[in-house]
Amino acid sequence: MKGEQLLLPAVYYQSLKKRLMKALTYISILFILLNIVPKMQAQNKSFFDFTVESIDGKQVDLSTFKGKKILVVNTASKCGLTPQYEDLEALYKEYGGDDFVIIGFPANNFMSQEPGSNEEIKEFCTVNYGVTFPMMAKISVKGDDMHPLYQWLTQKSENGVMDSEVAWNFQKYMIDENGHLVDFVSPKESPKSDKIVNWIKS
């Protein structure tokens, strides 16, 4: 009887140990899932999952650009870099078509250098630079009201590739044919830089 009484705590201890080990295993698996699944989902999200508004007020499903390399540029009409519109249009005329497109997103985030309405922006781009590549409605590319597309472009947790910050007007993001972020080019670097041209031609 005494031996049985001594044995009970040992059996109970072993049972408790097994339960604790099982619980710790479940907790570890849960921790892994909570950390890995969101990252996998972010990496599965692509440029083509977004819908934006065109400068004419129409809804544009970005999946319509599947199969093309895409250069995404935040633009402004009253910036020292505004003449880049000329190089962007030249780049589009040379390489635009079935394999490449430029998409402009006017933004007023930097020293209020894009104050106009969508109609005024469209007229400015057409009259002064003959822009023919797709232009979207004005959005915010940084701050609390950042557009969801730019959240994806600038956050590794969203795009699965890299973190970045839109430093100024005319920052250029490179998206591949499958809607995945490739890289970006700083605002001051020409749209016709070797980095961009070689990427388009590769």
N, C-alpha and C. Protein backbone atom coordinates (compact mmCIF):
# COMPACT_ATOMS: atom_id res chain seq x y z
N MET A 1 0.83 -1.21 0.00
CA MET A 1 0.00 0.00 0.00
C MET A 1 0.86 1.24 0.00
N LYS A 2 1.91 1.16 0.89
CA LYS A 2 2.81 2.31 0.95
C LYS A 2 3.54 2.50 -0.36
N GLY A 3 3.92 1.38 -1.01
CA GLY A 3 4.62 1.47 -2.30
C GLY A 3 3.76 2.09 -3.37
N GLU A 4 2.45 1.74 -3.35
CA GLU A 4 1.53 2.31 -4.32
C GLU A 4 1.38 3.81 -4.11
N GLN A 5 1.34 4.21 -2.83
CA GLN A 5 1.20 5.63 -2.52
C GLN A 5 2.42 6.42 -3.00
N LEU A 6 3.59 5.77 -2.88
CA LEU A 6 4.81 6.44 -3.34
C LEU A 6 4.87 6.53 -4.87
N LEU A 7 4.23 5.50 -5.51
CA LEU A 7 4.27 5.46 -6.97
C LEU A 7 3.36 6.50 -7.62
N LEU A 8 2.26 6.81 -6.97
CA LEU A 8 1.27 7.73 -7.54
C LEU A 8 1.86 9.09 -7.93
N PRO A 9 2.62 9.75 -7.05
CA PRO A 9 3.20 11.03 -7.44
C PRO A 9 4.11 10.93 -8.66
N ALA A 10 4.87 9.85 -8.78
CA ALA A 10 5.77 9.67 -9.91
C ALA A 10 4.98 9.52 -11.21
N VAL A 11 3.91 8.70 -11.17
CA VAL A 11 3.07 8.51 -12.35
C VAL A 11 2.40 9.82 -12.74
N TYR A 12 1.89 10.50 -11.73
CA TYR A 12 1.23 11.79 -11.95
C TYR A 12 2.22 12.80 -12.57
N TYR A 13 3.45 12.77 -12.06
CA TYR A 13 4.49 13.68 -12.56
C TYR A 13 4.79 13.39 -14.04
N GLN A 14 4.92 12.11 -14.38
CA GLN A 14 5.21 11.73 -15.77
C GLN A 14 4.07 12.15 -16.70
N SER A 15 2.82 11.93 -16.20
CA SER A 15 1.66 12.32 -17.00
C SER A 15 1.61 13.82 -17.22
N LEU A 16 1.89 14.55 -16.14
CA LEU A 16 1.89 16.01 -16.23
C LEU A 16 2.98 16.50 -17.17
N LYS A 17 4.13 15.85 -17.11
CA LYS A 17 5.26 16.22 -17.97
C LYS A 17 4.89 16.03 -19.45
N LYS A 18 4.23 14.90 -19.74
CA LYS A 18 3.83 14.63 -21.12
C LYS A 18 2.84 15.68 -21.63
N ARG A 19 1.90 16.03 -20.74
CA ARG A 19 0.91 17.04 -21.11
C ARG A 19 1.55 18.40 -21.37
N LEU A 20 2.51 18.74 -20.53
CA LEU A 20 3.21 20.02 -20.69
C LEU A 20 4.02 20.04 -21.99
N MET A 21 4.68 18.91 -22.29
CA MET A 21 5.48 18.82 -23.51
C MET A 21 4.57 18.96 -24.74
N LYS A 22 3.39 18.30 -24.66
CA LYS A 22 2.44 18.38 -25.77
C LYS A 22 1.93 19.81 -25.95
N ALA A 23 1.64 20.45 -24.82
CA ALA A 23 1.16 21.84 -24.87
C ALA A 23 2.22 22.76 -25.45
N LEU A 24 3.48 22.55 -25.04
CA LEU A 24 4.58 23.37 -25.56
C LEU A 24 4.76 23.15 -27.06
N THR A 25 4.56 21.92 -27.50
CA THR A 25 4.66 21.62 -28.93
C THR A 25 3.58 22.37 -29.71
N TYR A 26 2.35 22.34 -29.20
CA TYR A 26 1.25 23.05 -29.85
C TYR A 26 1.51 24.55 -29.88
N ILE A 27 2.02 25.08 -28.78
CA ILE A 27 2.33 26.51 -28.71
C ILE A 27 3.40 26.88 -29.73
N SER A 28 4.42 26.02 -29.85
CA SER A 28 5.50 26.27 -30.82
C SER A 28 4.97 26.27 -32.24
N ILE A 29 4.11 25.30 -32.55
CA ILE A 29 3.53 25.23 -33.89
C ILE A 29 2.68 26.46 -34.18
N LEU A 30 1.88 26.85 -33.18
CA LEU A 30 1.04 28.03 -33.33
C LEU A 30 1.87 29.28 -33.57
N PHE A 31 2.97 29.41 -32.83
CA PHE A 31 3.87 30.56 -32.97
C PHE A 31 4.45 30.60 -34.38
N ILE A 32 4.87 29.44 -34.87
CA ILE A 32 5.44 29.36 -36.22
C ILE A 32 4.40 29.77 -37.27
N LEU A 33 3.19 29.24 -37.11
CA LEU A 33 2.13 29.56 -38.06
C LEU A 33 1.78 31.05 -38.06
N LEU A 34 1.72 31.62 -36.86
CA LEU A 34 1.38 33.04 -36.75
C LEU A 34 2.44 33.93 -37.39
N ASN A 35 3.67 33.46 -37.43
CA ASN A 35 4.76 34.26 -38.00
C ASN A 35 5.00 33.99 -39.47
N ILE A 36 4.79 32.74 -39.89
CA ILE A 36 5.12 32.38 -41.26
C ILE A 36 3.96 32.63 -42.22
N VAL A 37 2.75 32.28 -41.81
CA VAL A 37 1.59 32.40 -42.70
C VAL A 37 1.39 33.81 -43.22
N PRO A 38 1.43 34.87 -42.33
CA PRO A 38 1.25 36.23 -42.86
C PRO A 38 2.31 36.60 -43.88
N LYS A 39 3.55 36.12 -43.66
CA LYS A 39 4.63 36.42 -44.61
C LYS A 39 4.38 35.74 -45.94
N MET A 40 3.90 34.49 -45.86
CA MET A 40 3.59 33.76 -47.10
C MET A 40 2.46 34.45 -47.85
N GLN A 41 1.46 34.91 -47.09
CA GLN A 41 0.34 35.60 -47.73
C GLN A 41 0.79 36.90 -48.38
N ALA A 42 1.70 37.62 -47.68
CA ALA A 42 2.22 38.88 -48.23
C ALA A 42 2.97 38.63 -49.52
N GLN A 43 3.79 37.56 -49.54
CA GLN A 43 4.56 37.26 -50.72
C GLN A 43 3.67 36.78 -51.86
N ASN A 44 2.52 36.22 -51.52
CA ASN A 44 1.60 35.77 -52.55
C ASN A 44 0.80 36.93 -53.13
N LYS A 45 0.73 38.05 -52.41
CA LYS A 45 0.01 39.22 -52.90
C LYS A 45 0.86 39.91 -53.96
N SER A 46 0.23 40.30 -55.04
CA SER A 46 0.99 40.92 -56.13
C SER A 46 0.39 42.25 -56.53
N PHE A 47 1.10 42.93 -57.40
CA PHE A 47 0.67 44.21 -57.95
C PHE A 47 -0.71 44.07 -58.61
N PHE A 48 -0.95 42.88 -59.15
CA PHE A 48 -2.19 42.65 -59.90
C PHE A 48 -3.41 42.46 -59.01
N ASP A 49 -3.22 42.44 -57.71
CA ASP A 49 -4.35 42.28 -56.79
C ASP A 49 -5.05 43.61 -56.48
N PHE A 50 -4.52 44.71 -57.02
CA PHE A 50 -5.05 46.03 -56.70
C PHE A 50 -5.90 46.61 -57.83
N THR A 51 -6.85 47.42 -57.43
CA THR A 51 -7.65 48.20 -58.37
C THR A 51 -7.48 49.67 -58.01
N VAL A 52 -7.22 50.50 -59.01
CA VAL A 52 -7.00 51.93 -58.77
C VAL A 52 -7.95 52.73 -59.67
N GLU A 53 -7.94 54.02 -59.47
CA GLU A 53 -8.78 54.90 -60.28
C GLU A 53 -7.93 55.65 -61.30
N SER A 54 -8.38 55.68 -62.54
CA SER A 54 -7.64 56.40 -63.57
C SER A 54 -7.85 57.90 -63.40
N ILE A 55 -7.05 58.69 -64.10
CA ILE A 55 -7.15 60.14 -64.01
C ILE A 55 -8.49 60.63 -64.57
N ASP A 56 -9.17 59.75 -65.34
CA ASP A 56 -10.49 60.07 -65.89
C ASP A 56 -11.62 59.56 -65.00
N GLY A 57 -11.26 59.01 -63.85
CA GLY A 57 -12.29 58.55 -62.91
C GLY A 57 -12.81 57.15 -63.13
N LYS A 58 -12.12 56.36 -63.97
CA LYS A 58 -12.55 54.98 -64.22
C LYS A 58 -11.76 54.01 -63.34
N GLN A 59 -12.39 52.91 -62.98
CA GLN A 59 -11.72 51.88 -62.19
C GLN A 59 -10.79 51.07 -63.10
N VAL A 60 -9.56 50.89 -62.64
CA VAL A 60 -8.56 50.15 -63.42
C VAL A 60 -8.08 48.96 -62.60
N ASP A 61 -8.38 47.76 -63.08
CA ASP A 61 -7.89 46.54 -62.45
C ASP A 61 -6.46 46.33 -62.96
N LEU A 62 -5.51 46.39 -62.04
CA LEU A 62 -4.11 46.32 -62.46
C LEU A 62 -3.73 44.96 -63.04
N SER A 63 -4.60 43.97 -62.89
CA SER A 63 -4.33 42.67 -63.50
C SER A 63 -4.39 42.75 -65.02
N THR A 64 -4.95 43.84 -65.55
CA THR A 64 -4.99 44.02 -67.01
C THR A 64 -3.58 44.21 -67.58
N PHE A 65 -2.60 44.46 -66.70
CA PHE A 65 -1.23 44.65 -67.16
C PHE A 65 -0.38 43.39 -67.01
N LYS A 66 -1.02 42.26 -66.73
CA LYS A 66 -0.28 41.00 -66.59
C LYS A 66 0.51 40.72 -67.86
N GLY A 67 1.73 40.22 -67.67
CA GLY A 67 2.59 39.89 -68.80
C GLY A 67 3.49 41.03 -69.23
N LYS A 68 3.32 42.20 -68.61
CA LYS A 68 4.16 43.36 -68.95
C LYS A 68 5.05 43.74 -67.77
N LYS A 69 6.22 44.26 -68.08
CA LYS A 69 7.03 44.93 -67.06
C LYS A 69 6.43 46.31 -66.85
N ILE A 70 6.39 46.73 -65.60
CA ILE A 70 5.68 47.98 -65.26
C ILE A 70 6.59 48.90 -64.47
N LEU A 71 6.65 50.15 -64.89
CA LEU A 71 7.38 51.18 -64.15
C LEU A 71 6.34 52.09 -63.51
N VAL A 72 6.31 52.09 -62.19
CA VAL A 72 5.35 52.90 -61.44
C VAL A 72 6.05 54.15 -60.93
N VAL A 73 5.50 55.32 -61.24
CA VAL A 73 6.15 56.58 -60.90
C VAL A 73 5.16 57.53 -60.21
N ASN A 74 5.55 58.09 -59.06
CA ASN A 74 4.73 59.14 -58.45
C ASN A 74 5.17 60.48 -59.03
N THR A 75 4.23 61.21 -59.61
CA THR A 75 4.56 62.40 -60.39
C THR A 75 4.06 63.69 -59.72
N ALA A 76 4.57 64.80 -60.21
CA ALA A 76 4.14 66.12 -59.73
C ALA A 76 4.37 67.16 -60.83
N SER A 77 3.52 68.16 -60.88
CA SER A 77 3.56 69.16 -61.96
C SER A 77 4.43 70.38 -61.67
N LYS A 78 4.74 70.60 -60.40
CA LYS A 78 5.47 71.82 -60.04
C LYS A 78 6.75 71.49 -59.27
N CYS A 79 7.47 70.52 -59.77
CA CYS A 79 8.68 70.03 -59.11
C CYS A 79 9.89 70.26 -60.02
N GLY A 80 11.06 70.39 -59.43
CA GLY A 80 12.27 70.53 -60.23
C GLY A 80 12.51 69.33 -61.11
N LEU A 81 11.90 68.19 -60.74
CA LEU A 81 12.07 66.95 -61.52
C LEU A 81 10.94 66.74 -62.53
N THR A 82 10.00 67.67 -62.60
CA THR A 82 8.87 67.53 -63.53
C THR A 82 9.30 67.29 -64.98
N PRO A 83 10.41 67.88 -65.46
CA PRO A 83 10.85 67.59 -66.83
C PRO A 83 11.11 66.11 -67.10
N GLN A 84 11.16 65.29 -66.05
CA GLN A 84 11.32 63.84 -66.27
C GLN A 84 10.15 63.26 -67.05
N TYR A 85 9.02 63.97 -67.07
CA TYR A 85 7.89 63.54 -67.90
C TYR A 85 8.35 63.31 -69.34
N GLU A 86 9.25 64.17 -69.80
CA GLU A 86 9.73 64.08 -71.18
C GLU A 86 10.45 62.76 -71.41
N ASP A 87 11.34 62.40 -70.48
CA ASP A 87 12.08 61.14 -70.61
C ASP A 87 11.16 59.93 -70.41
N LEU A 88 10.20 60.06 -69.51
CA LEU A 88 9.25 58.97 -69.31
C LEU A 88 8.46 58.70 -70.59
N GLU A 89 8.01 59.76 -71.23
CA GLU A 89 7.24 59.61 -72.47
C GLU A 89 8.12 59.02 -73.58
N ALA A 90 9.38 59.49 -73.64
CA ALA A 90 10.30 58.95 -74.66
C ALA A 90 10.55 57.46 -74.42
N LEU A 91 10.70 57.09 -73.16
CA LEU A 91 10.91 55.69 -72.79
C LEU A 91 9.70 54.85 -73.18
N TYR A 92 8.52 55.41 -72.94
CA TYR A 92 7.29 54.70 -73.25
C TYR A 92 7.11 54.54 -74.76
N LYS A 93 7.44 55.57 -75.50
CA LYS A 93 7.32 55.50 -76.96
C LYS A 93 8.28 54.47 -77.55
N GLU A 94 9.45 54.33 -76.93
CA GLU A 94 10.45 53.39 -77.45
C GLU A 94 10.16 51.95 -77.07
N TYR A 95 9.73 51.73 -75.84
CA TYR A 95 9.59 50.36 -75.35
C TYR A 95 8.16 49.95 -75.00
N GLY A 96 7.25 50.93 -74.89
CA GLY A 96 5.88 50.62 -74.50
C GLY A 96 5.15 49.78 -75.52
N GLY A 97 4.25 48.94 -75.03
CA GLY A 97 3.51 48.06 -75.92
C GLY A 97 3.10 46.80 -75.19
N ASP A 98 3.32 45.66 -75.82
CA ASP A 98 2.93 44.38 -75.24
C ASP A 98 3.79 43.97 -74.06
N ASP A 99 5.03 44.49 -74.00
CA ASP A 99 5.97 44.01 -72.99
C ASP A 99 6.28 45.00 -71.87
N PHE A 100 5.89 46.25 -72.04
CA PHE A 100 6.28 47.27 -71.05
C PHE A 100 5.26 48.40 -70.99
N VAL A 101 5.03 48.91 -69.78
CA VAL A 101 4.13 50.05 -69.61
C VAL A 101 4.63 50.92 -68.45
N ILE A 102 4.34 52.19 -68.53
CA ILE A 102 4.60 53.14 -67.44
C ILE A 102 3.26 53.55 -66.87
N ILE A 103 3.17 53.61 -65.55
CA ILE A 103 1.93 54.09 -64.91
C ILE A 103 2.29 55.23 -63.97
N GLY A 104 1.70 56.39 -64.21
CA GLY A 104 1.96 57.56 -63.38
C GLY A 104 0.90 57.75 -62.31
N PHE A 105 1.36 58.07 -61.11
CA PHE A 105 0.46 58.34 -59.98
C PHE A 105 0.75 59.74 -59.43
N PRO A 106 0.00 60.76 -59.83
CA PRO A 106 0.22 62.10 -59.28
C PRO A 106 0.03 62.08 -57.76
N ALA A 107 0.91 62.80 -57.06
CA ALA A 107 0.83 62.85 -55.59
C ALA A 107 1.26 64.21 -55.10
N ASN A 108 0.61 64.69 -54.07
CA ASN A 108 0.86 66.04 -53.54
C ASN A 108 1.59 65.98 -52.19
N ASN A 109 2.38 64.92 -51.98
CA ASN A 109 3.01 64.69 -50.67
C ASN A 109 4.25 65.53 -50.40
N PHE A 110 4.85 66.11 -51.43
CA PHE A 110 6.12 66.79 -51.24
C PHE A 110 6.00 68.28 -51.57
N MET A 111 5.98 69.08 -50.52
CA MET A 111 5.92 70.54 -50.63
C MET A 111 4.77 71.01 -51.53
N SER A 112 3.66 70.27 -51.51
CA SER A 112 2.46 70.64 -52.27
C SER A 112 2.76 70.94 -53.74
N GLN A 113 3.58 70.07 -54.34
CA GLN A 113 4.01 70.30 -55.72
C GLN A 113 3.08 69.67 -56.76
N GLU A 114 1.97 69.09 -56.28
CA GLU A 114 0.93 68.63 -57.20
C GLU A 114 -0.42 69.06 -56.66
N PRO A 115 -0.71 70.38 -56.70
CA PRO A 115 -1.93 70.92 -56.07
C PRO A 115 -3.18 70.79 -56.92
N GLY A 116 -3.05 70.55 -58.21
CA GLY A 116 -4.19 70.60 -59.12
C GLY A 116 -5.15 69.43 -59.00
N SER A 117 -6.27 69.58 -59.67
CA SER A 117 -7.27 68.50 -59.77
C SER A 117 -6.78 67.49 -60.81
N ASN A 118 -7.45 66.35 -60.88
CA ASN A 118 -7.09 65.35 -61.88
C ASN A 118 -7.21 65.92 -63.30
N GLU A 119 -8.24 66.71 -63.52
CA GLU A 119 -8.44 67.31 -64.84
C GLU A 119 -7.29 68.26 -65.19
N GLU A 120 -6.87 69.07 -64.21
CA GLU A 120 -5.77 70.01 -64.44
C GLU A 120 -4.46 69.27 -64.67
N ILE A 121 -4.25 68.20 -63.92
CA ILE A 121 -3.02 67.42 -64.07
C ILE A 121 -2.97 66.79 -65.47
N LYS A 122 -4.10 66.23 -65.89
CA LYS A 122 -4.15 65.60 -67.21
C LYS A 122 -3.85 66.62 -68.31
N GLU A 123 -4.44 67.80 -68.21
CA GLU A 123 -4.20 68.85 -69.21
C GLU A 123 -2.74 69.27 -69.21
N PHE A 124 -2.16 69.43 -68.02
CA PHE A 124 -0.75 69.83 -67.91
C PHE A 124 0.15 68.80 -68.59
N CYS A 125 -0.08 67.52 -68.31
CA CYS A 125 0.77 66.46 -68.87
C CYS A 125 0.63 66.37 -70.38
N THR A 126 -0.59 66.55 -70.86
CA THR A 126 -0.85 66.44 -72.29
C THR A 126 -0.28 67.62 -73.07
N VAL A 127 -0.55 68.83 -72.57
CA VAL A 127 -0.13 70.05 -73.28
C VAL A 127 1.38 70.24 -73.23
N ASN A 128 1.97 70.01 -72.07
CA ASN A 128 3.40 70.31 -71.91
C ASN A 128 4.34 69.16 -72.29
N TYR A 129 3.88 67.93 -72.14
CA TYR A 129 4.80 66.80 -72.38
C TYR A 129 4.22 65.73 -73.30
N GLY A 130 3.02 65.92 -73.79
CA GLY A 130 2.42 64.95 -74.70
C GLY A 130 2.33 63.55 -74.12
N VAL A 131 2.04 63.46 -72.82
CA VAL A 131 2.03 62.17 -72.14
C VAL A 131 0.93 61.26 -72.70
N THR A 132 1.33 60.05 -73.07
CA THR A 132 0.37 59.05 -73.58
C THR A 132 0.33 57.80 -72.71
N PHE A 133 1.29 57.65 -71.79
CA PHE A 133 1.24 56.47 -70.92
C PHE A 133 0.13 56.65 -69.88
N PRO A 134 -0.39 55.56 -69.32
CA PRO A 134 -1.52 55.65 -68.38
C PRO A 134 -1.21 56.50 -67.15
N MET A 135 -2.10 57.43 -66.86
CA MET A 135 -2.02 58.25 -65.65
C MET A 135 -3.22 57.94 -64.76
N MET A 136 -2.97 57.79 -63.49
CA MET A 136 -4.03 57.48 -62.54
C MET A 136 -4.46 58.73 -61.77
N ALA A 137 -5.52 58.61 -61.00
CA ALA A 137 -5.99 59.72 -60.18
C ALA A 137 -4.98 60.02 -59.08
N LYS A 138 -5.01 61.24 -58.61
CA LYS A 138 -4.06 61.67 -57.57
C LYS A 138 -4.26 60.86 -56.29
N ILE A 139 -3.15 60.42 -55.70
CA ILE A 139 -3.19 59.63 -54.47
C ILE A 139 -2.14 60.14 -53.49
N SER A 140 -2.08 59.52 -52.32
CA SER A 140 -1.02 59.80 -51.36
C SER A 140 -0.05 58.63 -51.35
N VAL A 141 1.26 58.94 -51.39
CA VAL A 141 2.27 57.88 -51.46
C VAL A 141 3.07 57.74 -50.17
N LYS A 142 2.66 58.46 -49.13
CA LYS A 142 3.31 58.32 -47.83
C LYS A 142 2.37 58.87 -46.75
N GLY A 143 2.72 58.60 -45.49
CA GLY A 143 1.92 59.13 -44.40
C GLY A 143 0.74 58.25 -44.03
N ASP A 144 -0.11 58.77 -43.15
CA ASP A 144 -1.24 58.01 -42.62
C ASP A 144 -2.29 57.67 -43.68
N ASP A 145 -2.36 58.49 -44.73
CA ASP A 145 -3.36 58.23 -45.77
C ASP A 145 -2.74 57.60 -47.02
N MET A 146 -1.60 56.93 -46.85
CA MET A 146 -0.92 56.28 -47.97
C MET A 146 -1.86 55.29 -48.66
N HIS A 147 -1.87 55.34 -49.98
CA HIS A 147 -2.71 54.45 -50.76
C HIS A 147 -2.26 52.99 -50.54
N PRO A 148 -3.20 52.04 -50.49
CA PRO A 148 -2.84 50.63 -50.29
C PRO A 148 -1.80 50.10 -51.27
N LEU A 149 -1.83 50.57 -52.52
CA LEU A 149 -0.83 50.12 -53.49
C LEU A 149 0.57 50.52 -53.05
N TYR A 150 0.69 51.74 -52.53
CA TYR A 150 2.01 52.21 -52.09
C TYR A 150 2.42 51.58 -50.76
N GLN A 151 1.47 51.15 -49.97
CA GLN A 151 1.81 50.35 -48.79
C GLN A 151 2.47 49.06 -49.24
N TRP A 152 1.91 48.47 -50.28
CA TRP A 152 2.48 47.24 -50.84
C TRP A 152 3.86 47.50 -51.44
N LEU A 153 4.00 48.58 -52.16
CA LEU A 153 5.28 48.89 -52.81
C LEU A 153 6.41 49.14 -51.81
N THR A 154 6.08 49.73 -50.66
CA THR A 154 7.12 50.21 -49.74
C THR A 154 7.34 49.34 -48.50
N GLN A 155 6.53 48.32 -48.31
CA GLN A 155 6.65 47.51 -47.09
C GLN A 155 6.93 46.05 -47.42
N LYS A 156 8.05 45.55 -46.90
CA LYS A 156 8.42 44.15 -47.14
C LYS A 156 7.36 43.19 -46.63
N SER A 157 6.71 43.56 -45.53
CA SER A 157 5.65 42.71 -44.98
C SER A 157 4.49 42.57 -45.95
N GLU A 158 4.40 43.51 -46.91
CA GLU A 158 3.34 43.46 -47.92
C GLU A 158 3.81 42.85 -49.24
N ASN A 159 5.02 43.27 -49.69
CA ASN A 159 5.49 42.82 -51.00
C ASN A 159 6.41 41.60 -50.95
N GLY A 160 6.92 41.26 -49.75
CA GLY A 160 7.78 40.10 -49.59
C GLY A 160 9.19 40.27 -50.12
N VAL A 161 9.55 41.50 -50.55
CA VAL A 161 10.87 41.71 -51.16
C VAL A 161 11.73 42.71 -50.38
N MET A 162 11.21 43.91 -50.17
CA MET A 162 12.03 44.94 -49.52
C MET A 162 11.18 46.05 -48.91
N ASP A 163 11.78 46.73 -47.94
CA ASP A 163 11.21 47.97 -47.41
C ASP A 163 11.83 49.14 -48.16
N SER A 164 11.07 50.19 -48.36
CA SER A 164 11.60 51.41 -48.97
C SER A 164 10.73 52.57 -48.52
N GLU A 165 11.16 53.75 -48.86
CA GLU A 165 10.38 54.95 -48.56
C GLU A 165 10.40 55.84 -49.79
N VAL A 166 9.27 56.38 -50.13
CA VAL A 166 9.22 57.31 -51.27
C VAL A 166 9.87 58.61 -50.82
N ALA A 167 11.04 58.89 -51.39
CA ALA A 167 11.84 60.02 -50.93
C ALA A 167 11.39 61.36 -51.50
N TRP A 168 10.84 61.33 -52.71
CA TRP A 168 10.43 62.58 -53.38
C TRP A 168 9.61 62.21 -54.60
N ASN A 169 9.18 63.23 -55.33
CA ASN A 169 8.47 63.00 -56.58
C ASN A 169 9.36 62.26 -57.58
N PHE A 170 8.75 61.45 -58.40
CA PHE A 170 9.41 60.72 -59.48
C PHE A 170 10.32 59.58 -59.00
N GLN A 171 9.93 58.95 -57.90
CA GLN A 171 10.59 57.69 -57.53
C GLN A 171 9.98 56.59 -58.42
N LYS A 172 10.82 55.68 -58.86
CA LYS A 172 10.38 54.72 -59.87
C LYS A 172 10.47 53.28 -59.35
N TYR A 173 9.34 52.59 -59.33
CA TYR A 173 9.30 51.20 -58.88
C TYR A 173 9.16 50.27 -60.08
N MET A 174 9.94 49.21 -60.05
CA MET A 174 9.98 48.26 -61.16
C MET A 174 9.22 46.98 -60.76
N ILE A 175 8.23 46.63 -61.56
CA ILE A 175 7.39 45.46 -61.31
C ILE A 175 7.55 44.49 -62.48
N ASP A 176 7.73 43.20 -62.18
CA ASP A 176 7.94 42.25 -63.29
C ASP A 176 6.61 41.77 -63.89
N GLU A 177 6.72 40.91 -64.88
CA GLU A 177 5.55 40.46 -65.64
C GLU A 177 4.54 39.69 -64.79
N ASN A 178 5.00 39.18 -63.65
CA ASN A 178 4.13 38.41 -62.77
C ASN A 178 3.57 39.24 -61.62
N GLY A 179 3.83 40.55 -61.66
CA GLY A 179 3.29 41.43 -60.63
C GLY A 179 4.10 41.49 -59.36
N HIS A 180 5.36 41.04 -59.42
CA HIS A 180 6.22 41.07 -58.24
C HIS A 180 7.16 42.27 -58.27
N LEU A 181 7.38 42.86 -57.12
CA LEU A 181 8.32 43.99 -57.02
C LEU A 181 9.73 43.51 -57.31
N VAL A 182 10.45 44.26 -58.14
CA VAL A 182 11.83 43.92 -58.49
C VAL A 182 12.80 44.83 -57.75
N ASP A 183 12.61 46.14 -57.89
CA ASP A 183 13.53 47.11 -57.31
C ASP A 183 12.92 48.50 -57.49
N PHE A 184 13.66 49.53 -57.07
CA PHE A 184 13.21 50.89 -57.34
C PHE A 184 14.40 51.76 -57.68
N VAL A 185 14.12 52.88 -58.31
CA VAL A 185 15.15 53.83 -58.72
C VAL A 185 14.82 55.18 -58.09
N SER A 186 15.83 55.85 -57.57
CA SER A 186 15.62 57.10 -56.84
C SER A 186 15.05 58.19 -57.73
N PRO A 187 14.39 59.18 -57.12
CA PRO A 187 13.75 60.26 -57.90
C PRO A 187 14.69 60.97 -58.88
N LYS A 188 15.92 61.26 -58.47
CA LYS A 188 16.82 62.04 -59.32
C LYS A 188 17.38 61.25 -60.48
N GLU A 189 17.33 59.92 -60.39
CA GLU A 189 17.88 59.11 -61.47
C GLU A 189 16.95 59.13 -62.68
N SER A 190 17.52 59.30 -63.84
CA SER A 190 16.74 59.43 -65.07
C SER A 190 15.91 58.18 -65.37
N PRO A 191 14.70 58.37 -65.90
CA PRO A 191 13.90 57.21 -66.32
C PRO A 191 14.61 56.41 -67.41
N LYS A 192 15.57 57.06 -68.10
CA LYS A 192 16.30 56.38 -69.17
C LYS A 192 17.66 55.87 -68.70
N SER A 193 17.80 55.71 -67.39
CA SER A 193 19.06 55.22 -66.83
C SER A 193 19.33 53.79 -67.30
N ASP A 194 20.60 53.39 -67.25
CA ASP A 194 20.97 52.03 -67.67
C ASP A 194 20.24 50.98 -66.86
N LYS A 195 20.05 51.26 -65.58
CA LYS A 195 19.39 50.28 -64.70
C LYS A 195 17.98 49.97 -65.20
N ILE A 196 17.25 51.01 -65.57
CA ILE A 196 15.88 50.81 -66.05
C ILE A 196 15.85 50.23 -67.46
N VAL A 197 16.64 50.78 -68.35
CA VAL A 197 16.63 50.32 -69.74
C VAL A 197 17.09 48.86 -69.83
N ASN A 198 18.15 48.51 -69.11
CA ASN A 198 18.64 47.12 -69.13
C ASN A 198 17.60 46.15 -68.56
N TRP A 199 16.87 46.62 -67.55
CA TRP A 199 15.82 45.79 -66.96
C TRP A 199 14.68 45.57 -67.97
N ILE A 200 14.30 46.63 -68.67
CA ILE A 200 13.22 46.51 -69.67
C ILE A 200 13.63 45.52 -70.77
N LYS A 201 14.89 45.61 -71.20
CA LYS A 201 15.37 44.81 -72.31
C LYS A 201 15.74 43.37 -71.92
N SER A 202 15.87 43.13 -70.62
CA SER A 202 16.31 41.79 -70.18
C SER A 202 15.22 40.74 -70.34
